[in-house]
Amino acid sequence: MTSSSRASRLFILACTCAALTGCAEEPRAMANTPSSTPPAATPATLQATGSPTAPRPVELRSVEVKRVRGDAELSRMAGEGLLANGGEPVAIEVRTAEPLGNLERSASPEIYVNGARLGDTWALGQDRLVVIVPEGDLKKLQDANEVTVAWLGAEQLTRSRTPLRLDRSMLP
């Protein structure tokens, strides 16, 4: 069927999509067999069991500042480009009071200094986070700074309630 009407072409396209969608559905015999995947959690079951992924503040145990040069792991994370320019980047390492939980998800925990991210945060374990800070960005730090952690996308619900203090005297 050939038509020059735009509406007719859209109708044919819609019918084709509907037909293809119908082909992708499971046959009834397969739909009635028991599935090994558990049923999806409903809000009622999450309330009853307590959701392990419910957003909660990330409380902190300690903060430390380290030199990147001379540490193989931190140097690898900083990358050759940052180390090649002759500067002395540092790593701000934060230990959390409790394990972070599932790190295999689209959001990530991030370190904030005075409410701002200084770079991408690396999770090096369930309770260890590190951000590499170029030497030039260290000049932005004040004499006394507040360090917090929050999950991207849920900052208001997950930001540390008790910030840790990072003094300029802690810098290497």
Protein backbone atom coordinates (compact mmCIF):
# COMPACT_ATOMS: atom_id res chain seq x y z
CA MET A 1 0.00 0.00 0.00
CA THR A 2 1.43 3.35 -1.01
CA SER A 3 0.14 6.58 0.36
CA SER A 4 1.37 10.10 0.36
CA SER A 5 -0.65 10.98 3.46
CA ARG A 6 1.48 11.58 6.53
CA ALA A 7 -1.27 10.22 8.81
CA SER A 8 -1.41 6.96 6.84
CA ARG A 9 2.34 6.44 7.17
CA LEU A 10 2.20 7.07 10.90
CA PHE A 11 -0.69 4.61 11.22
CA ILE A 12 1.27 1.94 9.35
CA LEU A 13 4.33 2.58 11.52
CA ALA A 14 2.22 2.30 14.69
CA CYS A 15 0.69 -1.00 13.49
CA THR A 16 4.12 -2.39 12.65
CA CYS A 17 5.46 -1.48 16.08
CA ALA A 18 2.44 -3.07 17.76
CA ALA A 19 2.88 -6.26 15.73
CA LEU A 20 6.57 -6.48 16.59
CA THR A 21 5.84 -5.91 20.27
CA GLY A 22 3.34 -8.74 20.23
CA CYS A 23 5.98 -11.07 18.76
CA ALA A 24 8.33 -10.30 21.63
CA GLU A 25 5.86 -11.35 24.34
CA GLU A 26 6.19 -14.75 25.99
CA PRO A 27 3.87 -17.56 24.88
CA ARG A 28 1.15 -18.34 27.45
CA ALA A 29 2.70 -21.71 28.27
CA MET A 30 5.94 -20.03 29.25
CA ALA A 31 4.17 -17.30 31.24
CA ASN A 32 2.47 -19.87 33.52
CA THR A 33 5.66 -21.68 34.49
CA PRO A 34 7.20 -20.72 37.84
CA SER A 35 10.00 -18.22 37.61
CA SER A 36 13.25 -18.33 39.54
CA THR A 37 13.28 -14.54 39.91
CA PRO A 38 11.62 -13.24 43.08
CA PRO A 39 8.63 -10.92 42.78
CA ALA A 40 9.36 -7.22 42.77
CA ALA A 41 9.38 -5.54 46.16
CA THR A 42 6.39 -3.37 46.88
CA PRO A 43 6.42 -0.34 49.18
CA ALA A 44 4.60 -2.41 51.82
CA THR A 45 7.25 -5.15 51.82
CA LEU A 46 10.03 -2.56 51.90
CA GLN A 47 8.46 -0.92 54.95
CA ALA A 48 7.98 -4.26 56.67
CA THR A 49 11.50 -5.54 56.03
CA GLY A 50 13.38 -2.25 56.03
CA SER A 51 15.08 -1.29 52.81
CA PRO A 52 18.85 -1.84 52.86
CA THR A 53 19.20 0.85 50.20
CA ALA A 54 17.17 3.53 51.98
CA PRO A 55 19.13 6.79 51.82
CA ARG A 56 20.84 7.66 55.06
CA PRO A 57 23.64 10.06 56.01
CA VAL A 58 27.21 8.86 55.52
CA GLU A 59 28.89 9.48 58.85
CA LEU A 60 32.65 9.86 58.95
CA ARG A 61 35.36 8.43 61.19
CA SER A 62 38.53 10.18 59.97
CA VAL A 63 40.11 12.40 57.34
CA GLU A 64 43.75 12.37 56.26
CA VAL A 65 45.78 14.14 53.57
CA LYS A 66 48.58 12.24 51.79
CA ARG A 67 51.13 12.97 49.11
CA VAL A 68 50.33 11.27 45.82
CA ARG A 69 53.92 10.92 44.63
CA GLY A 70 55.60 7.91 46.16
CA ASP A 71 52.34 5.98 46.59
CA ALA A 72 51.79 3.58 43.68
CA GLU A 73 48.01 3.30 44.13
CA LEU A 74 47.44 7.05 44.47
CA SER A 75 49.79 7.82 41.55
CA ARG A 76 47.84 5.42 39.33
CA MET A 77 44.58 7.12 40.30
CA ALA A 78 46.00 10.61 39.69
CA GLY A 79 47.20 9.65 36.23
CA GLU A 80 50.33 10.63 34.36
CA GLY A 81 48.80 13.88 33.07
CA LEU A 82 48.36 15.29 36.57
CA LEU A 83 51.78 14.11 37.73
CA ALA A 84 53.60 15.25 34.57
CA ASN A 85 52.86 18.97 35.02
CA GLY A 86 55.33 19.19 37.90
CA GLY A 87 52.75 19.96 40.59
CA GLU A 88 52.36 18.14 43.86
CA PRO A 89 48.80 16.77 43.99
CA VAL A 90 47.53 15.41 47.28
CA ALA A 91 44.94 12.82 48.19
CA ILE A 92 42.23 13.55 50.72
CA GLU A 93 41.26 10.22 52.25
CA VAL A 94 38.10 9.77 54.29
CA ARG A 95 37.15 6.75 56.36
CA THR A 96 33.44 6.21 56.97
CA ALA A 97 31.98 5.12 60.28
CA GLU A 98 30.03 2.29 58.61
CA PRO A 99 30.47 0.34 55.37
CA LEU A 100 29.08 2.16 52.32
CA GLY A 101 27.10 -0.81 51.04
CA ASN A 102 26.50 -1.46 47.35
CA LEU A 103 29.12 0.44 45.35
CA GLU A 104 28.04 -1.22 42.08
CA ARG A 105 25.34 1.28 41.16
CA SER A 106 24.94 4.36 39.03
CA ALA A 107 25.40 6.84 41.89
CA SER A 108 28.58 7.14 43.88
CA PRO A 109 29.67 8.53 47.23
CA GLU A 110 31.54 11.82 46.82
CA ILE A 111 33.81 13.81 49.14
CA TYR A 112 32.87 17.48 49.61
CA VAL A 113 35.14 20.15 51.10
CA ASN A 114 33.27 23.24 52.27
CA GLY A 115 30.23 21.99 50.35
CA ALA A 116 32.04 21.65 46.99
CA ARG A 117 33.40 18.64 45.13
CA LEU A 118 37.11 19.01 44.40
CA GLY A 119 37.20 16.14 41.90
CA ASP A 120 36.00 12.60 41.34
CA THR A 121 35.97 10.41 44.43
CA TRP A 122 37.34 6.87 44.32
CA ALA A 123 35.95 4.17 46.61
CA LEU A 124 38.91 2.02 47.66
CA GLY A 125 36.91 -0.23 49.92
CA GLN A 126 33.69 -0.34 51.87
CA ASP A 127 34.80 2.43 54.24
CA ARG A 128 37.60 4.26 52.38
CA LEU A 129 37.12 7.14 49.92
CA VAL A 130 39.81 9.20 48.19
CA VAL A 131 39.78 12.34 46.05
CA ILE A 132 42.92 13.51 44.23
CA VAL A 133 43.35 17.29 44.46
CA PRO A 134 45.72 19.12 42.08
CA GLU A 135 48.17 21.50 43.72
CA GLY A 136 46.42 24.56 42.23
CA ASP A 137 43.10 23.60 43.85
CA LEU A 138 44.71 23.43 47.28
CA LYS A 139 44.90 27.23 47.21
CA LYS A 140 41.08 27.27 47.37
CA LEU A 141 41.17 25.69 50.83
CA GLN A 142 40.69 27.83 53.89
CA ASP A 143 42.65 27.56 57.13
CA ALA A 144 39.84 25.38 58.55
CA ASN A 145 37.63 23.33 56.20
CA GLU A 146 34.62 21.06 56.63
CA VAL A 147 34.72 17.64 54.97
CA THR A 148 31.51 15.71 54.31
CA VAL A 149 30.44 12.80 52.11
CA ALA A 150 27.16 12.37 50.21
CA TRP A 151 25.82 10.09 47.50
CA LEU A 152 25.39 11.85 44.15
CA GLY A 153 21.72 12.38 43.38
CA ALA A 154 20.65 12.16 47.03
CA GLU A 155 22.92 14.75 48.61
CA GLN A 156 20.34 16.23 50.98
CA LEU A 157 19.39 12.83 52.41
CA THR A 158 22.88 11.34 52.59
CA ARG A 159 25.25 14.21 53.47
CA SER A 160 27.27 13.65 56.65
CA ARG A 161 25.55 15.29 59.62
CA THR A 162 28.81 15.79 61.50
CA PRO A 163 31.52 17.17 59.21
CA LEU A 164 35.16 16.46 59.88
CA ARG A 165 37.66 19.30 60.14
CA LEU A 166 40.51 19.59 57.66
CA ASP A 167 43.05 22.23 58.71
CA ARG A 168 45.63 23.68 56.37
CA SER A 169 48.27 22.39 58.81
CA MET A 170 47.27 18.82 57.79
CA LEU A 171 48.52 19.36 54.23
CA PRO A 172 51.85 17.65 53.49
